[in-house]
Amino acid sequence: MEDIKRILVVSRSTNECRKAVHYGISLSQKYGAELHVIHVVHNPFSIEGWNLPVPSLAKEYKKLLLDTRKELAAMINSERKKGTKVKQSVKEGDPEKEIFKMVRDKNIDLIIMLAHEEGRLEHFLFGRSNEEIIRKMPCSVLMVKKEPGPV
């Protein structure tokens, strides 16, 4: 693991991604690596061929995107105040394409992302499953397990 120079944490929902960001921070400090955090939301209302006559859902989507940007910025700024160098991006588009583009453009060595299954709403708002995203990545991927809930 000596050759880890650039780490990318993939955020899907900011409450759940804190653990993945923590791993990214820890590993970036240990290896002196650059740390990038990306949050990609695909717009389900811009899908070609879809003409969803549901303006309230489109408004909710825009609000969710704005709230996500604010929550991610607050989390990243908290880490920056502690001295951690973090670069963040919130992108709108196809998660697989946006993540792959960042991996290629920033020459990422390691991706960190949550291993949990997406619920229906998360799948609708954030796109494809982890399996589809990681298949094509040209770098190593660290999957962070979410703590199991009460039985």
N, C-alpha and C. Protein backbone atom coordinates (compact mmCIF):
# COMPACT_ATOMS: atom_id res chain seq x y z
N MET A 1 0.81 -1.19 0.00
CA MET A 1 0.00 0.00 0.00
C MET A 1 0.86 1.27 0.00
N GLU A 2 2.14 1.12 -0.21
CA GLU A 2 3.03 2.28 -0.21
C GLU A 2 2.77 3.22 -1.37
N ASP A 3 2.14 2.74 -2.43
CA ASP A 3 1.97 3.56 -3.61
C ASP A 3 0.61 4.28 -3.65
N ILE A 4 -0.08 4.41 -2.54
CA ILE A 4 -1.34 5.14 -2.50
C ILE A 4 -1.02 6.62 -2.37
N LYS A 5 -1.29 7.35 -3.44
CA LYS A 5 -1.00 8.79 -3.47
C LYS A 5 -2.28 9.62 -3.52
N ARG A 6 -3.34 9.04 -4.09
CA ARG A 6 -4.61 9.76 -4.24
C ARG A 6 -5.77 8.82 -3.91
N ILE A 7 -6.63 9.27 -3.00
CA ILE A 7 -7.77 8.47 -2.53
C ILE A 7 -9.05 9.21 -2.89
N LEU A 8 -10.04 8.45 -3.35
CA LEU A 8 -11.36 8.99 -3.65
C LEU A 8 -12.40 8.29 -2.79
N VAL A 9 -13.14 9.07 -2.00
CA VAL A 9 -14.27 8.54 -1.23
C VAL A 9 -15.53 8.85 -2.01
N VAL A 10 -16.34 7.83 -2.25
CA VAL A 10 -17.61 8.00 -2.95
C VAL A 10 -18.70 8.11 -1.91
N SER A 11 -19.40 9.22 -1.94
CA SER A 11 -20.48 9.49 -1.00
C SER A 11 -21.81 9.32 -1.70
N ARG A 12 -22.72 8.65 -1.05
CA ARG A 12 -24.06 8.51 -1.62
C ARG A 12 -25.08 9.26 -0.78
N SER A 13 -25.11 9.01 0.50
CA SER A 13 -25.95 9.82 1.38
C SER A 13 -25.05 10.25 2.52
N THR A 14 -25.04 11.51 2.85
CA THR A 14 -24.03 12.04 3.74
C THR A 14 -24.07 11.44 5.13
N ASN A 15 -25.23 11.07 5.64
CA ASN A 15 -25.28 10.44 6.97
C ASN A 15 -24.55 9.11 6.98
N GLU A 16 -24.72 8.33 5.94
CA GLU A 16 -24.09 7.01 5.87
C GLU A 16 -22.63 7.07 5.43
N CYS A 17 -22.24 8.14 4.76
CA CYS A 17 -20.89 8.16 4.20
C CYS A 17 -19.84 8.58 5.22
N ARG A 18 -20.25 9.01 6.40
CA ARG A 18 -19.28 9.47 7.39
C ARG A 18 -18.21 8.40 7.68
N LYS A 19 -18.62 7.15 7.74
CA LYS A 19 -17.67 6.08 8.03
C LYS A 19 -16.67 5.94 6.87
N ALA A 20 -17.15 6.02 5.64
CA ALA A 20 -16.26 5.93 4.49
C ALA A 20 -15.31 7.12 4.46
N VAL A 21 -15.82 8.31 4.76
CA VAL A 21 -14.96 9.50 4.81
C VAL A 21 -13.92 9.34 5.91
N HIS A 22 -14.32 8.79 7.06
CA HIS A 22 -13.36 8.55 8.15
C HIS A 22 -12.22 7.64 7.68
N TYR A 23 -12.57 6.56 6.97
CA TYR A 23 -11.54 5.67 6.43
C TYR A 23 -10.62 6.44 5.49
N GLY A 24 -11.22 7.27 4.62
CA GLY A 24 -10.42 8.06 3.69
C GLY A 24 -9.47 9.00 4.39
N ILE A 25 -9.96 9.66 5.43
CA ILE A 25 -9.12 10.59 6.20
C ILE A 25 -7.98 9.84 6.86
N SER A 26 -8.32 8.72 7.50
CA SER A 26 -7.31 7.93 8.20
C SER A 26 -6.21 7.45 7.24
N LEU A 27 -6.63 6.89 6.11
CA LEU A 27 -5.65 6.38 5.15
C LEU A 27 -4.85 7.50 4.49
N SER A 28 -5.51 8.64 4.22
CA SER A 28 -4.77 9.75 3.60
C SER A 28 -3.72 10.29 4.55
N GLN A 29 -4.04 10.34 5.85
CA GLN A 29 -3.06 10.81 6.83
C GLN A 29 -1.92 9.81 6.97
N LYS A 30 -2.26 8.54 6.99
CA LYS A 30 -1.23 7.51 7.16
C LYS A 30 -0.25 7.46 5.99
N TYR A 31 -0.77 7.63 4.77
CA TYR A 31 0.07 7.50 3.59
C TYR A 31 0.44 8.85 2.96
N GLY A 32 0.00 9.94 3.56
CA GLY A 32 0.29 11.26 3.00
C GLY A 32 -0.36 11.46 1.64
N ALA A 33 -1.52 10.84 1.45
CA ALA A 33 -2.20 10.86 0.15
C ALA A 33 -3.18 12.03 0.04
N GLU A 34 -3.39 12.48 -1.19
CA GLU A 34 -4.44 13.46 -1.45
C GLU A 34 -5.78 12.77 -1.20
N LEU A 35 -6.75 13.53 -0.65
CA LEU A 35 -8.07 12.96 -0.39
C LEU A 35 -9.11 13.75 -1.17
N HIS A 36 -9.88 13.03 -1.96
CA HIS A 36 -10.98 13.59 -2.73
C HIS A 36 -12.27 12.91 -2.26
N VAL A 37 -13.35 13.69 -2.17
CA VAL A 37 -14.66 13.14 -1.85
C VAL A 37 -15.59 13.57 -2.97
N ILE A 38 -16.29 12.60 -3.56
CA ILE A 38 -17.24 12.90 -4.62
C ILE A 38 -18.62 12.40 -4.23
N HIS A 39 -19.60 13.21 -4.49
CA HIS A 39 -20.99 12.83 -4.29
C HIS A 39 -21.67 13.01 -5.64
N VAL A 40 -22.14 11.91 -6.21
CA VAL A 40 -22.78 11.96 -7.52
C VAL A 40 -24.25 11.62 -7.37
N VAL A 41 -25.08 12.52 -7.87
CA VAL A 41 -26.52 12.29 -7.89
C VAL A 41 -26.96 12.34 -9.34
N HIS A 42 -27.62 11.29 -9.78
CA HIS A 42 -28.14 11.38 -11.15
C HIS A 42 -29.55 11.93 -11.08
N ASN A 43 -29.89 12.76 -12.05
CA ASN A 43 -31.20 13.41 -12.07
C ASN A 43 -32.19 12.48 -12.76
N PRO A 44 -33.10 11.88 -11.99
CA PRO A 44 -34.06 10.96 -12.60
C PRO A 44 -35.07 11.67 -13.50
N PHE A 45 -35.07 12.99 -13.47
CA PHE A 45 -36.02 13.76 -14.28
C PHE A 45 -35.41 14.20 -15.59
N SER A 46 -34.14 13.88 -15.81
CA SER A 46 -33.50 14.26 -17.07
C SER A 46 -33.26 13.06 -17.97
N ILE A 47 -33.77 11.91 -17.57
CA ILE A 47 -33.57 10.70 -18.36
C ILE A 47 -34.30 10.84 -19.68
N GLU A 48 -33.60 10.61 -20.77
CA GLU A 48 -34.18 10.76 -22.09
C GLU A 48 -35.38 9.82 -22.23
N GLY A 49 -36.46 10.37 -22.74
CA GLY A 49 -37.66 9.57 -22.94
C GLY A 49 -38.62 9.65 -21.77
N TRP A 50 -38.14 10.13 -20.63
CA TRP A 50 -39.02 10.28 -19.47
C TRP A 50 -39.62 11.66 -19.52
N ASN A 51 -40.88 11.74 -19.32
CA ASN A 51 -41.55 13.03 -19.21
C ASN A 51 -42.44 12.93 -17.99
N LEU A 52 -41.82 13.01 -16.83
CA LEU A 52 -42.56 12.83 -15.60
C LEU A 52 -43.29 14.12 -15.24
N PRO A 53 -44.62 14.08 -15.27
CA PRO A 53 -45.39 15.28 -14.95
C PRO A 53 -45.56 15.44 -13.45
N VAL A 54 -44.46 15.44 -12.73
CA VAL A 54 -44.52 15.51 -11.27
C VAL A 54 -43.60 16.64 -10.80
N PRO A 55 -44.05 17.89 -10.95
CA PRO A 55 -43.17 19.01 -10.58
C PRO A 55 -42.77 18.99 -9.12
N SER A 56 -43.62 18.47 -8.23
CA SER A 56 -43.26 18.45 -6.82
C SER A 56 -42.07 17.53 -6.57
N LEU A 57 -41.98 16.42 -7.29
CA LEU A 57 -40.83 15.52 -7.14
C LEU A 57 -39.56 16.19 -7.67
N ALA A 58 -39.70 16.93 -8.76
CA ALA A 58 -38.54 17.64 -9.31
C ALA A 58 -38.05 18.68 -8.32
N LYS A 59 -38.97 19.37 -7.65
CA LYS A 59 -38.59 20.36 -6.64
C LYS A 59 -37.92 19.68 -5.45
N GLU A 60 -38.46 18.53 -5.04
CA GLU A 60 -37.85 17.77 -3.93
C GLU A 60 -36.44 17.33 -4.30
N TYR A 61 -36.27 16.92 -5.56
CA TYR A 61 -34.95 16.50 -6.02
C TYR A 61 -33.96 17.66 -5.94
N LYS A 62 -34.36 18.84 -6.41
CA LYS A 62 -33.49 20.01 -6.36
C LYS A 62 -33.14 20.37 -4.91
N LYS A 63 -34.12 20.26 -4.01
CA LYS A 63 -33.89 20.52 -2.59
C LYS A 63 -32.91 19.50 -2.02
N LEU A 64 -33.10 18.23 -2.37
CA LEU A 64 -32.21 17.17 -1.90
C LEU A 64 -30.78 17.44 -2.36
N LEU A 65 -30.61 17.84 -3.61
CA LEU A 65 -29.29 18.13 -4.14
C LEU A 65 -28.64 19.29 -3.38
N LEU A 66 -29.41 20.34 -3.13
CA LEU A 66 -28.91 21.49 -2.37
C LEU A 66 -28.54 21.09 -0.95
N ASP A 67 -29.43 20.34 -0.28
CA ASP A 67 -29.16 19.88 1.08
C ASP A 67 -27.92 18.99 1.13
N THR A 68 -27.77 18.14 0.12
CA THR A 68 -26.60 17.25 0.05
C THR A 68 -25.32 18.07 -0.06
N ARG A 69 -25.35 19.08 -0.90
CA ARG A 69 -24.16 19.94 -1.04
C ARG A 69 -23.80 20.60 0.29
N LYS A 70 -24.83 21.10 0.99
CA LYS A 70 -24.59 21.76 2.28
C LYS A 70 -24.05 20.79 3.32
N GLU A 71 -24.67 19.60 3.43
CA GLU A 71 -24.23 18.62 4.42
C GLU A 71 -22.81 18.14 4.15
N LEU A 72 -22.52 17.88 2.89
CA LEU A 72 -21.17 17.42 2.53
C LEU A 72 -20.15 18.52 2.80
N ALA A 73 -20.51 19.76 2.45
CA ALA A 73 -19.60 20.89 2.70
C ALA A 73 -19.33 21.05 4.20
N ALA A 74 -20.38 20.92 5.03
CA ALA A 74 -20.20 21.04 6.48
C ALA A 74 -19.29 19.94 7.01
N MET A 75 -19.50 18.71 6.54
CA MET A 75 -18.67 17.59 6.99
C MET A 75 -17.21 17.79 6.57
N ILE A 76 -16.99 18.19 5.33
CA ILE A 76 -15.64 18.39 4.82
C ILE A 76 -14.98 19.57 5.53
N ASN A 77 -15.72 20.67 5.72
CA ASN A 77 -15.16 21.84 6.41
C ASN A 77 -14.76 21.52 7.84
N SER A 78 -15.52 20.65 8.49
CA SER A 78 -15.17 20.20 9.84
C SER A 78 -13.81 19.50 9.84
N GLU A 79 -13.58 18.67 8.84
CA GLU A 79 -12.29 17.97 8.73
C GLU A 79 -11.17 18.94 8.35
N ARG A 80 -11.48 19.92 7.52
CA ARG A 80 -10.46 20.90 7.13
C ARG A 80 -9.99 21.71 8.33
N LYS A 81 -10.91 22.02 9.24
CA LYS A 81 -10.56 22.77 10.44
C LYS A 81 -9.58 21.97 11.30
N LYS A 82 -9.61 20.65 11.18
CA LYS A 82 -8.69 19.79 11.93
C LYS A 82 -7.35 19.65 11.20
N GLY A 83 -7.24 20.30 10.03
CA GLY A 83 -5.98 20.26 9.29
C GLY A 83 -5.94 19.26 8.15
N THR A 84 -7.02 18.55 7.91
CA THR A 84 -7.06 17.57 6.83
C THR A 84 -7.30 18.27 5.51
N LYS A 85 -6.50 17.93 4.51
CA LYS A 85 -6.68 18.50 3.18
C LYS A 85 -7.64 17.61 2.39
N VAL A 86 -8.81 18.15 2.09
CA VAL A 86 -9.84 17.38 1.39
C VAL A 86 -10.36 18.22 0.23
N LYS A 87 -10.46 17.58 -0.93
CA LYS A 87 -11.08 18.23 -2.09
C LYS A 87 -12.43 17.55 -2.31
N GLN A 88 -13.47 18.36 -2.47
CA GLN A 88 -14.81 17.78 -2.62
C GLN A 88 -15.44 18.17 -3.94
N SER A 89 -16.30 17.27 -4.43
CA SER A 89 -17.05 17.53 -5.65
C SER A 89 -18.45 16.97 -5.47
N VAL A 90 -19.44 17.75 -5.89
CA VAL A 90 -20.80 17.25 -6.00
C VAL A 90 -21.15 17.34 -7.47
N LYS A 91 -21.43 16.19 -8.05
CA LYS A 91 -21.70 16.12 -9.49
C LYS A 91 -23.11 15.62 -9.71
N GLU A 92 -23.67 16.05 -10.82
CA GLU A 92 -24.97 15.55 -11.25
C GLU A 92 -24.73 14.82 -12.56
N GLY A 93 -25.16 13.57 -12.62
CA GLY A 93 -24.95 12.79 -13.83
C GLY A 93 -24.98 11.32 -13.52
N ASP A 94 -24.48 10.54 -14.43
CA ASP A 94 -24.41 9.10 -14.26
C ASP A 94 -23.27 8.79 -13.30
N PRO A 95 -23.58 8.14 -12.14
CA PRO A 95 -22.53 7.90 -11.14
C PRO A 95 -21.32 7.16 -11.70
N GLU A 96 -21.55 6.11 -12.47
CA GLU A 96 -20.43 5.34 -13.02
C GLU A 96 -19.53 6.21 -13.87
N LYS A 97 -20.11 7.02 -14.74
CA LYS A 97 -19.32 7.88 -15.63
C LYS A 97 -18.58 8.96 -14.86
N GLU A 98 -19.26 9.59 -13.91
CA GLU A 98 -18.64 10.69 -13.14
C GLU A 98 -17.51 10.18 -12.26
N ILE A 99 -17.72 9.03 -11.62
CA ILE A 99 -16.67 8.46 -10.77
C ILE A 99 -15.48 8.04 -11.62
N PHE A 100 -15.76 7.35 -12.73
CA PHE A 100 -14.68 6.92 -13.62
C PHE A 100 -13.90 8.12 -14.15
N LYS A 101 -14.61 9.20 -14.50
CA LYS A 101 -13.95 10.41 -14.99
C LYS A 101 -13.02 10.99 -13.94
N MET A 102 -13.48 11.03 -12.68
CA MET A 102 -12.63 11.57 -11.63
C MET A 102 -11.43 10.65 -11.37
N VAL A 103 -11.65 9.35 -11.38
CA VAL A 103 -10.55 8.40 -11.19
C VAL A 103 -9.50 8.61 -12.26
N ARG A 104 -9.93 8.75 -13.49
CA ARG A 104 -9.00 8.95 -14.60
C ARG A 104 -8.33 10.33 -14.53
N ASP A 105 -9.13 11.39 -14.34
CA ASP A 105 -8.59 12.75 -14.35
C ASP A 105 -7.65 13.04 -13.19
N LYS A 106 -7.93 12.49 -12.02
CA LYS A 106 -7.13 12.76 -10.82
C LYS A 106 -6.11 11.65 -10.55
N ASN A 107 -6.09 10.64 -11.41
CA ASN A 107 -5.14 9.53 -11.27
C ASN A 107 -5.28 8.88 -9.89
N ILE A 108 -6.51 8.53 -9.53
CA ILE A 108 -6.83 7.95 -8.22
C ILE A 108 -6.25 6.55 -8.10
N ASP A 109 -5.68 6.25 -6.93
CA ASP A 109 -5.10 4.94 -6.65
C ASP A 109 -6.06 4.02 -5.88
N LEU A 110 -6.95 4.63 -5.09
CA LEU A 110 -7.84 3.85 -4.23
C LEU A 110 -9.19 4.55 -4.12
N ILE A 111 -10.26 3.78 -4.32
CA ILE A 111 -11.62 4.27 -4.11
C ILE A 111 -12.13 3.65 -2.82
N ILE A 112 -12.81 4.46 -2.01
CA ILE A 112 -13.44 3.97 -0.78
C ILE A 112 -14.93 4.26 -0.90
N MET A 113 -15.74 3.22 -0.73
CA MET A 113 -17.18 3.40 -0.81
C MET A 113 -17.90 2.42 0.10
N LEU A 114 -19.14 2.74 0.43
CA LEU A 114 -19.93 1.88 1.30
C LEU A 114 -20.32 0.61 0.56
N ALA A 115 -20.40 -0.49 1.30
CA ALA A 115 -20.73 -1.78 0.72
C ALA A 115 -22.21 -2.11 0.83
N HIS A 116 -23.00 -1.25 1.47
CA HIS A 116 -24.40 -1.60 1.71
C HIS A 116 -25.25 -1.54 0.44
N GLU A 117 -26.35 -2.28 0.48
CA GLU A 117 -27.32 -2.26 -0.61
C GLU A 117 -28.12 -0.97 -0.56
N GLU A 118 -28.48 -0.46 -1.71
CA GLU A 118 -29.29 0.73 -1.76
C GLU A 118 -30.77 0.36 -1.63
N GLY A 119 -31.51 1.24 -0.97
CA GLY A 119 -32.95 1.09 -0.95
C GLY A 119 -33.53 1.61 -2.26
N ARG A 120 -34.82 1.45 -2.44
CA ARG A 120 -35.45 1.87 -3.70
C ARG A 120 -35.29 3.36 -3.95
N LEU A 121 -35.52 4.19 -2.93
CA LEU A 121 -35.40 5.63 -3.11
C LEU A 121 -33.96 6.01 -3.43
N GLU A 122 -33.01 5.44 -2.68
CA GLU A 122 -31.60 5.73 -2.93
C GLU A 122 -31.21 5.28 -4.34
N HIS A 123 -31.68 4.13 -4.76
CA HIS A 123 -31.38 3.64 -6.10
C HIS A 123 -31.94 4.60 -7.15
N PHE A 124 -33.16 5.09 -6.91
CA PHE A 124 -33.80 6.03 -7.84
C PHE A 124 -33.02 7.34 -7.92
N LEU A 125 -32.60 7.84 -6.75
CA LEU A 125 -31.94 9.15 -6.71
C LEU A 125 -30.44 9.09 -7.02
N PHE A 126 -29.77 8.01 -6.64
CA PHE A 126 -28.32 7.97 -6.78
C PHE A 126 -27.83 7.03 -7.86
N GLY A 127 -28.72 6.28 -8.48
CA GLY A 127 -28.30 5.49 -9.62
C GLY A 127 -27.98 4.06 -9.31
N ARG A 128 -27.09 3.52 -10.09
CA ARG A 128 -26.79 2.09 -10.11
C ARG A 128 -26.18 1.56 -8.81
N SER A 129 -26.11 0.26 -8.74
CA SER A 129 -25.55 -0.40 -7.56
C SER A 129 -24.03 -0.31 -7.56
N ASN A 130 -23.45 -0.56 -6.39
CA ASN A 130 -21.99 -0.55 -6.25
C ASN A 130 -21.33 -1.51 -7.23
N GLU A 131 -21.93 -2.68 -7.39
CA GLU A 131 -21.33 -3.71 -8.24
C GLU A 131 -21.12 -3.18 -9.66
N GLU A 132 -22.10 -2.47 -10.18
CA GLU A 132 -21.97 -1.93 -11.54
C GLU A 132 -20.92 -0.83 -11.60
N ILE A 133 -20.79 -0.07 -10.53
CA ILE A 133 -19.82 1.04 -10.52
C ILE A 133 -18.40 0.51 -10.46
N ILE A 134 -18.13 -0.47 -9.60
CA ILE A 134 -16.74 -0.88 -9.38
C ILE A 134 -16.18 -1.81 -10.45
N ARG A 135 -17.02 -2.42 -11.25
CA ARG A 135 -16.53 -3.36 -12.26
C ARG A 135 -15.50 -2.76 -13.20
N LYS A 136 -15.70 -1.51 -13.57
CA LYS A 136 -14.86 -0.90 -14.60
C LYS A 136 -13.76 -0.02 -14.04
N MET A 137 -13.65 0.09 -12.74
CA MET A 137 -12.65 0.99 -12.17
C MET A 137 -11.24 0.42 -12.36
N PRO A 138 -10.32 1.27 -12.78
CA PRO A 138 -8.95 0.82 -13.04
C PRO A 138 -8.05 0.83 -11.80
N CYS A 139 -8.64 1.06 -10.62
CA CYS A 139 -7.84 1.11 -9.40
C CYS A 139 -8.47 0.20 -8.34
N SER A 140 -7.80 0.08 -7.21
CA SER A 140 -8.32 -0.74 -6.12
C SER A 140 -9.52 -0.07 -5.48
N VAL A 141 -10.40 -0.89 -4.91
CA VAL A 141 -11.62 -0.40 -4.27
C VAL A 141 -11.70 -1.00 -2.87
N LEU A 142 -11.89 -0.13 -1.87
CA LEU A 142 -12.09 -0.57 -0.49
C LEU A 142 -13.58 -0.39 -0.17
N MET A 143 -14.24 -1.49 0.13
CA MET A 143 -15.67 -1.45 0.46
C MET A 143 -15.81 -1.42 1.98
N VAL A 144 -16.48 -0.39 2.48
CA VAL A 144 -16.67 -0.21 3.92
C VAL A 144 -18.03 -0.77 4.31
N LYS A 145 -18.01 -1.70 5.26
CA LYS A 145 -19.26 -2.32 5.72
C LYS A 145 -19.96 -1.39 6.69
N LYS A 146 -21.26 -1.28 6.53
CA LYS A 146 -22.10 -0.52 7.44
C LYS A 146 -22.40 -1.40 8.65
N GLU A 147 -22.42 -0.78 9.81
CA GLU A 147 -22.73 -1.54 11.02
C GLU A 147 -24.14 -2.14 10.92
N PRO A 148 -24.30 -3.41 11.29
CA PRO A 148 -25.65 -3.99 11.24
C PRO A 148 -26.55 -3.33 12.28
N GLY A 149 -27.81 -3.15 11.90
CA GLY A 149 -28.79 -2.56 12.81
C GLY A 149 -29.32 -3.60 13.80
N PRO A 150 -30.15 -3.16 14.74
CA PRO A 150 -30.73 -4.10 15.71
C PRO A 150 -31.62 -5.11 15.02
N VAL A 151 -31.61 -6.32 15.56
CA VAL A 151 -32.39 -7.41 14.96
C VAL A 151 -33.81 -7.40 15.46
